[in-house]
């Protein structure tokens, strides 16, 4: 099995409405428990969306941007799970309760590290 990163994005989901957040939380917990029982869930984190910034380099200076207005691209949580392939990972992501309420999930395959006897060369 391969490992996949699932980035839970806000999309059209409005978490600033207490009712939506209160409906979503128990459904997310139940979904993650099912993934854990199926031995698919490796890690899970909820992110605080009010406390964020972007760090980049511009003209040899470190630039810190933020805070930002809420948007569709806002990452509200992440999971790492095991799946046979990207199709299965996407199917599992589609079962995320936030998707049914307007959220989005980005699925990314995690590159496996090289075997210990084959270290990275200068080419990467």
N, C-alpha and C. Protein backbone atom coordinates (compact mmCIF):
# COMPACT_ATOMS: atom_id res chain seq x y z
N UNK A 1 0.84 -1.18 0.00
CA UNK A 1 0.00 0.00 0.00
C UNK A 1 0.88 1.24 0.00
N UNK A 2 0.37 2.28 -0.62
CA UNK A 2 1.07 3.55 -0.70
C UNK A 2 0.47 4.51 0.32
N UNK A 3 1.20 5.59 0.60
CA UNK A 3 0.72 6.61 1.53
C UNK A 3 0.27 7.84 0.74
N UNK A 4 -0.82 8.45 1.19
CA UNK A 4 -1.39 9.62 0.54
C UNK A 4 -1.68 10.70 1.57
N UNK A 5 -1.42 11.94 1.17
CA UNK A 5 -1.76 13.10 1.98
C UNK A 5 -3.09 13.63 1.50
N UNK A 6 -4.03 13.80 2.40
CA UNK A 6 -5.32 14.39 2.08
C UNK A 6 -5.37 15.77 2.74
N UNK A 7 -5.45 16.80 1.91
CA UNK A 7 -5.58 18.17 2.40
C UNK A 7 -7.05 18.54 2.35
N UNK A 8 -7.65 18.76 3.51
CA UNK A 8 -9.05 19.13 3.57
C UNK A 8 -9.13 20.64 3.40
N UNK A 9 -9.76 21.07 2.32
CA UNK A 9 -9.89 22.50 2.02
C UNK A 9 -11.31 22.97 2.29
N UNK A 10 -11.43 24.24 2.62
CA UNK A 10 -12.72 24.80 2.98
C UNK A 10 -13.72 24.75 1.83
N UNK A 11 -13.29 25.06 0.60
CA UNK A 11 -14.22 25.07 -0.53
C UNK A 11 -15.40 25.97 -0.21
N UNK A 12 -16.61 25.47 -0.41
CA UNK A 12 -17.83 26.24 -0.11
C UNK A 12 -18.33 26.00 1.31
N UNK A 13 -17.58 25.24 2.08
CA UNK A 13 -17.94 24.95 3.47
C UNK A 13 -17.72 26.21 4.29
N UNK A 14 -18.67 26.59 5.10
CA UNK A 14 -18.55 27.79 5.94
C UNK A 14 -18.43 27.39 7.40
N UNK A 15 -17.18 27.30 7.86
CA UNK A 15 -16.93 26.87 9.24
C UNK A 15 -17.13 28.00 10.24
N UNK A 16 -17.29 29.24 9.76
CA UNK A 16 -17.52 30.33 10.69
C UNK A 16 -18.93 30.28 11.27
N UNK A 17 -19.77 29.47 10.67
CA UNK A 17 -21.11 29.27 11.20
C UNK A 17 -21.05 28.13 12.21
N UNK A 18 -21.30 28.41 13.47
CA UNK A 18 -21.17 27.42 14.54
C UNK A 18 -21.97 26.15 14.28
N UNK A 19 -23.13 26.29 13.67
CA UNK A 19 -23.97 25.11 13.42
C UNK A 19 -23.28 24.15 12.46
N UNK A 20 -22.67 24.67 11.40
CA UNK A 20 -21.98 23.81 10.43
C UNK A 20 -20.81 23.11 11.09
N UNK A 21 -20.06 23.83 11.91
CA UNK A 21 -18.90 23.24 12.60
C UNK A 21 -19.35 22.16 13.56
N UNK A 22 -20.41 22.40 14.31
CA UNK A 22 -20.91 21.42 15.28
C UNK A 22 -21.48 20.18 14.61
N UNK A 23 -22.06 20.31 13.41
CA UNK A 23 -22.57 19.15 12.67
C UNK A 23 -21.42 18.35 12.08
N UNK A 24 -20.37 19.04 11.63
CA UNK A 24 -19.28 18.38 10.94
C UNK A 24 -18.36 17.61 11.88
N UNK A 25 -18.03 18.17 13.02
CA UNK A 25 -17.03 17.57 13.92
C UNK A 25 -17.30 16.11 14.26
N UNK A 26 -18.49 15.74 14.75
CA UNK A 26 -18.71 14.32 15.09
C UNK A 26 -18.66 13.41 13.86
N UNK A 27 -19.08 13.91 12.71
CA UNK A 27 -19.03 13.10 11.49
C UNK A 27 -17.59 12.87 11.07
N UNK A 28 -16.73 13.88 11.22
CA UNK A 28 -15.31 13.71 10.90
C UNK A 28 -14.65 12.71 11.85
N UNK A 29 -14.97 12.81 13.13
CA UNK A 29 -14.41 11.88 14.12
C UNK A 29 -14.81 10.45 13.77
N UNK A 30 -16.06 10.23 13.43
CA UNK A 30 -16.55 8.90 13.08
C UNK A 30 -15.85 8.38 11.82
N UNK A 31 -15.69 9.24 10.81
CA UNK A 31 -15.03 8.85 9.57
C UNK A 31 -13.57 8.45 9.83
N UNK A 32 -12.88 9.26 10.65
CA UNK A 32 -11.48 8.95 10.98
C UNK A 32 -11.36 7.66 11.79
N UNK A 33 -12.29 7.43 12.69
CA UNK A 33 -12.29 6.18 13.46
C UNK A 33 -12.45 4.97 12.54
N UNK A 34 -13.32 5.09 11.54
CA UNK A 34 -13.50 3.98 10.58
C UNK A 34 -12.20 3.75 9.81
N UNK A 35 -11.54 4.81 9.37
CA UNK A 35 -10.26 4.67 8.67
C UNK A 35 -9.21 4.04 9.58
N UNK A 36 -9.23 4.42 10.85
CA UNK A 36 -8.28 3.85 11.82
C UNK A 36 -8.56 2.36 12.02
N UNK A 37 -9.83 1.99 12.17
CA UNK A 37 -10.20 0.58 12.34
C UNK A 37 -9.81 -0.25 11.12
N UNK A 38 -9.88 0.34 9.93
CA UNK A 38 -9.50 -0.34 8.70
C UNK A 38 -7.99 -0.32 8.47
N UNK A 39 -7.26 0.20 9.45
CA UNK A 39 -5.80 0.33 9.41
C UNK A 39 -5.32 1.12 8.20
N UNK A 40 -6.05 2.16 7.87
CA UNK A 40 -5.69 3.05 6.76
C UNK A 40 -5.15 4.38 7.26
N UNK A 41 -5.63 4.86 8.38
CA UNK A 41 -5.26 6.18 8.89
C UNK A 41 -3.90 6.12 9.57
N UNK A 42 -2.97 6.95 9.10
CA UNK A 42 -1.64 7.04 9.68
C UNK A 42 -1.56 8.25 10.61
N UNK A 43 -2.09 9.39 10.16
CA UNK A 43 -2.03 10.62 10.94
C UNK A 43 -3.22 11.50 10.58
N UNK A 44 -3.59 12.36 11.53
CA UNK A 44 -4.71 13.27 11.32
C UNK A 44 -4.47 14.51 12.15
N UNK A 45 -4.69 15.67 11.57
CA UNK A 45 -4.55 16.94 12.29
C UNK A 45 -5.61 17.91 11.82
N UNK A 46 -6.21 18.62 12.75
CA UNK A 46 -7.09 19.74 12.43
C UNK A 46 -6.23 21.00 12.52
N UNK A 47 -6.48 21.94 11.63
CA UNK A 47 -5.68 23.16 11.60
C UNK A 47 -6.52 24.34 12.06
N UNK A 48 -5.89 25.25 12.77
CA UNK A 48 -6.55 26.48 13.22
C UNK A 48 -6.43 27.48 12.08
N UNK A 49 -7.55 27.88 11.52
CA UNK A 49 -7.49 28.72 10.33
C UNK A 49 -7.36 30.21 10.62
N UNK A 50 -7.48 30.64 11.86
CA UNK A 50 -7.36 32.06 12.18
C UNK A 50 -5.92 32.48 12.41
N UNK A 51 -5.01 31.55 12.50
CA UNK A 51 -3.63 31.84 12.89
C UNK A 51 -2.69 31.25 11.84
N UNK A 52 -2.45 32.01 10.76
CA UNK A 52 -1.62 31.48 9.68
C UNK A 52 -0.90 32.60 8.96
N UNK A 53 0.17 32.22 8.28
CA UNK A 53 0.92 33.16 7.46
C UNK A 53 1.66 32.39 6.39
N UNK A 54 2.16 33.10 5.40
CA UNK A 54 2.99 32.51 4.35
C UNK A 54 4.37 33.13 4.44
N UNK A 55 5.38 32.30 4.32
CA UNK A 55 6.77 32.77 4.38
C UNK A 55 7.41 32.47 3.04
N UNK A 56 8.05 33.47 2.46
CA UNK A 56 8.74 33.30 1.19
C UNK A 56 9.93 34.23 1.15
N UNK A 57 10.77 34.05 0.15
CA UNK A 57 11.93 34.89 -0.01
C UNK A 57 11.73 35.75 -1.26
N UNK A 58 12.02 37.04 -1.15
CA UNK A 58 11.89 37.95 -2.27
C UNK A 58 13.05 38.94 -2.20
N UNK A 59 13.81 39.01 -3.28
CA UNK A 59 14.95 39.94 -3.35
C UNK A 59 15.85 39.79 -2.13
N UNK A 60 16.20 38.55 -1.81
CA UNK A 60 17.08 38.23 -0.68
C UNK A 60 16.55 38.69 0.68
N UNK A 61 15.24 38.89 0.76
CA UNK A 61 14.61 39.22 2.04
C UNK A 61 13.55 38.19 2.35
N UNK A 62 13.37 37.91 3.62
CA UNK A 62 12.30 37.01 4.05
C UNK A 62 11.03 37.83 4.16
N UNK A 63 9.97 37.36 3.50
CA UNK A 63 8.69 38.07 3.49
C UNK A 63 7.66 37.20 4.18
N UNK A 64 6.94 37.76 5.12
CA UNK A 64 5.87 37.05 5.82
C UNK A 64 4.57 37.77 5.50
N UNK A 65 3.66 37.05 4.85
CA UNK A 65 2.36 37.59 4.47
C UNK A 65 1.28 37.02 5.36
N UNK A 66 0.27 37.80 5.64
CA UNK A 66 -0.89 37.32 6.38
C UNK A 66 -1.28 38.33 7.45
N UNK A 67 -2.38 38.19 8.09
CA UNK A 67 -3.40 37.15 7.89
C UNK A 67 -4.16 37.36 6.58
N UNK A 68 -4.91 36.36 6.18
CA UNK A 68 -5.63 36.37 4.92
C UNK A 68 -7.12 36.23 5.17
N UNK A 69 -7.90 36.75 4.24
CA UNK A 69 -9.35 36.54 4.31
C UNK A 69 -9.63 35.06 4.01
N UNK A 70 -10.70 34.52 4.59
CA UNK A 70 -11.06 33.13 4.30
C UNK A 70 -11.31 32.96 2.81
N UNK A 71 -10.94 31.79 2.30
CA UNK A 71 -11.13 31.53 0.88
C UNK A 71 -11.36 30.04 0.67
N UNK A 72 -11.69 29.68 -0.56
CA UNK A 72 -11.92 28.29 -0.94
C UNK A 72 -10.67 27.44 -0.75
N UNK A 73 -9.50 28.05 -0.87
CA UNK A 73 -8.23 27.31 -0.81
C UNK A 73 -7.75 27.05 0.61
N UNK A 74 -8.41 27.59 1.60
CA UNK A 74 -7.99 27.45 2.99
C UNK A 74 -7.93 25.98 3.40
N UNK A 75 -6.76 25.52 3.87
CA UNK A 75 -6.60 24.16 4.35
C UNK A 75 -7.07 24.11 5.80
N UNK A 76 -8.06 23.26 6.09
CA UNK A 76 -8.62 23.20 7.43
C UNK A 76 -8.19 21.95 8.19
N UNK A 77 -7.56 21.01 7.49
CA UNK A 77 -7.09 19.80 8.14
C UNK A 77 -6.30 18.94 7.18
N UNK A 78 -5.65 17.92 7.73
CA UNK A 78 -4.89 17.00 6.89
C UNK A 78 -4.92 15.62 7.47
N UNK A 79 -4.85 14.64 6.57
CA UNK A 79 -4.76 13.23 6.97
C UNK A 79 -3.69 12.58 6.12
N UNK A 80 -3.06 11.58 6.66
CA UNK A 80 -2.20 10.70 5.88
C UNK A 80 -2.83 9.32 6.01
N UNK A 81 -3.09 8.70 4.85
CA UNK A 81 -3.70 7.38 4.89
C UNK A 81 -3.04 6.45 3.89
N UNK A 82 -3.32 5.18 4.06
CA UNK A 82 -2.80 4.14 3.17
C UNK A 82 -3.92 3.73 2.20
N UNK A 83 -3.51 3.56 0.94
CA UNK A 83 -4.45 3.08 -0.09
C UNK A 83 -3.64 2.35 -1.16
N UNK A 84 -4.31 1.50 -1.90
CA UNK A 84 -3.64 0.71 -2.93
C UNK A 84 -3.15 1.59 -4.08
N UNK A 85 -3.93 2.65 -4.41
CA UNK A 85 -3.58 3.52 -5.53
C UNK A 85 -4.32 4.84 -5.39
N UNK A 86 -4.05 5.76 -6.31
CA UNK A 86 -4.65 7.09 -6.24
C UNK A 86 -6.18 7.02 -6.37
N UNK A 87 -6.68 6.06 -7.16
CA UNK A 87 -8.12 5.91 -7.31
C UNK A 87 -8.80 5.55 -6.00
N UNK A 88 -8.19 4.62 -5.27
CA UNK A 88 -8.76 4.23 -3.98
C UNK A 88 -8.64 5.38 -2.98
N UNK A 89 -7.53 6.09 -3.00
CA UNK A 89 -7.36 7.25 -2.11
C UNK A 89 -8.41 8.32 -2.41
N UNK A 90 -8.69 8.55 -3.70
CA UNK A 90 -9.72 9.52 -4.09
C UNK A 90 -11.10 9.07 -3.65
N UNK A 91 -11.37 7.78 -3.75
CA UNK A 91 -12.67 7.25 -3.30
C UNK A 91 -12.84 7.49 -1.80
N UNK A 92 -11.79 7.19 -1.03
CA UNK A 92 -11.84 7.42 0.41
C UNK A 92 -12.00 8.90 0.72
N UNK A 93 -11.30 9.76 -0.02
CA UNK A 93 -11.43 11.20 0.18
C UNK A 93 -12.85 11.67 -0.09
N UNK A 94 -13.50 11.05 -1.07
CA UNK A 94 -14.88 11.40 -1.39
C UNK A 94 -15.86 11.06 -0.29
N UNK A 95 -15.46 10.16 0.63
CA UNK A 95 -16.31 9.80 1.76
C UNK A 95 -16.15 10.77 2.93
N UNK A 96 -15.23 11.73 2.81
CA UNK A 96 -15.01 12.71 3.89
C UNK A 96 -16.29 13.51 4.10
N UNK A 97 -16.78 13.61 5.33
CA UNK A 97 -18.02 14.33 5.59
C UNK A 97 -18.01 15.79 5.16
N UNK A 98 -16.85 16.43 5.14
CA UNK A 98 -16.83 17.84 4.74
C UNK A 98 -17.18 18.01 3.26
N UNK A 99 -16.91 16.98 2.44
CA UNK A 99 -17.22 17.05 1.01
C UNK A 99 -18.73 17.19 0.81
N UNK A 100 -19.50 16.44 1.58
CA UNK A 100 -20.96 16.50 1.47
C UNK A 100 -21.52 17.87 1.85
N UNK A 101 -20.75 18.66 2.61
CA UNK A 101 -21.20 19.98 3.04
C UNK A 101 -20.55 21.11 2.24
N UNK A 102 -19.85 20.78 1.15
CA UNK A 102 -19.26 21.81 0.31
C UNK A 102 -17.75 21.92 0.37
N UNK A 103 -17.11 21.14 1.26
CA UNK A 103 -15.65 21.17 1.35
C UNK A 103 -15.00 20.42 0.20
N UNK A 104 -13.69 20.54 0.10
CA UNK A 104 -12.93 19.87 -0.95
C UNK A 104 -11.76 19.13 -0.31
N UNK A 105 -11.31 18.06 -0.97
CA UNK A 105 -10.15 17.31 -0.48
C UNK A 105 -9.17 17.15 -1.63
N UNK A 106 -7.93 17.59 -1.41
CA UNK A 106 -6.86 17.39 -2.38
C UNK A 106 -6.11 16.12 -1.97
N UNK A 107 -5.85 15.23 -2.92
CA UNK A 107 -5.16 13.97 -2.65
C UNK A 107 -3.80 14.01 -3.31
N UNK A 108 -2.75 13.76 -2.53
CA UNK A 108 -1.38 13.75 -3.05
C UNK A 108 -0.66 12.49 -2.58
N UNK A 109 -0.02 11.79 -3.52
CA UNK A 109 0.76 10.62 -3.15
C UNK A 109 2.05 11.07 -2.47
N UNK A 110 2.43 10.36 -1.43
CA UNK A 110 3.67 10.65 -0.70
C UNK A 110 4.77 9.77 -1.26
N UNK A 111 5.86 10.40 -1.65
CA UNK A 111 6.98 9.66 -2.22
C UNK A 111 7.64 8.82 -1.14
N UNK A 112 7.88 7.57 -1.46
CA UNK A 112 8.55 6.66 -0.53
C UNK A 112 10.04 7.00 -0.49
N UNK A 113 10.65 6.96 0.68
CA UNK A 113 12.09 7.22 0.75
C UNK A 113 12.88 6.09 0.08
N UNK A 114 14.09 6.40 -0.39
CA UNK A 114 14.89 5.34 -1.00
C UNK A 114 15.30 4.32 0.05
N UNK A 115 15.58 3.09 -0.36
CA UNK A 115 16.05 2.09 0.61
C UNK A 115 17.34 2.56 1.27
N UNK A 116 17.59 2.14 2.51
CA UNK A 116 18.79 2.61 3.23
C UNK A 116 20.09 2.29 2.51
N UNK A 117 20.10 1.20 1.73
CA UNK A 117 21.34 0.84 1.04
C UNK A 117 21.52 1.60 -0.27
N UNK A 118 20.57 2.48 -0.61
CA UNK A 118 20.65 3.27 -1.84
C UNK A 118 20.39 4.73 -1.50
N UNK A 119 21.39 5.45 -0.95
CA UNK A 119 21.19 6.84 -0.55
C UNK A 119 20.97 7.73 -1.77
N UNK A 120 20.41 8.91 -1.51
CA UNK A 120 20.21 9.89 -2.58
C UNK A 120 21.56 10.33 -3.11
N UNK A 121 21.65 10.49 -4.44
CA UNK A 121 22.88 11.02 -5.01
C UNK A 121 22.74 12.52 -5.20
N UNK A 122 23.72 13.14 -5.79
CA UNK A 122 23.68 14.60 -5.98
C UNK A 122 22.55 15.03 -6.91
N UNK A 123 22.08 14.14 -7.76
CA UNK A 123 21.00 14.48 -8.69
C UNK A 123 19.64 14.45 -8.02
N UNK A 124 19.56 13.94 -6.78
CA UNK A 124 18.29 13.93 -6.05
C UNK A 124 17.60 12.63 -6.17
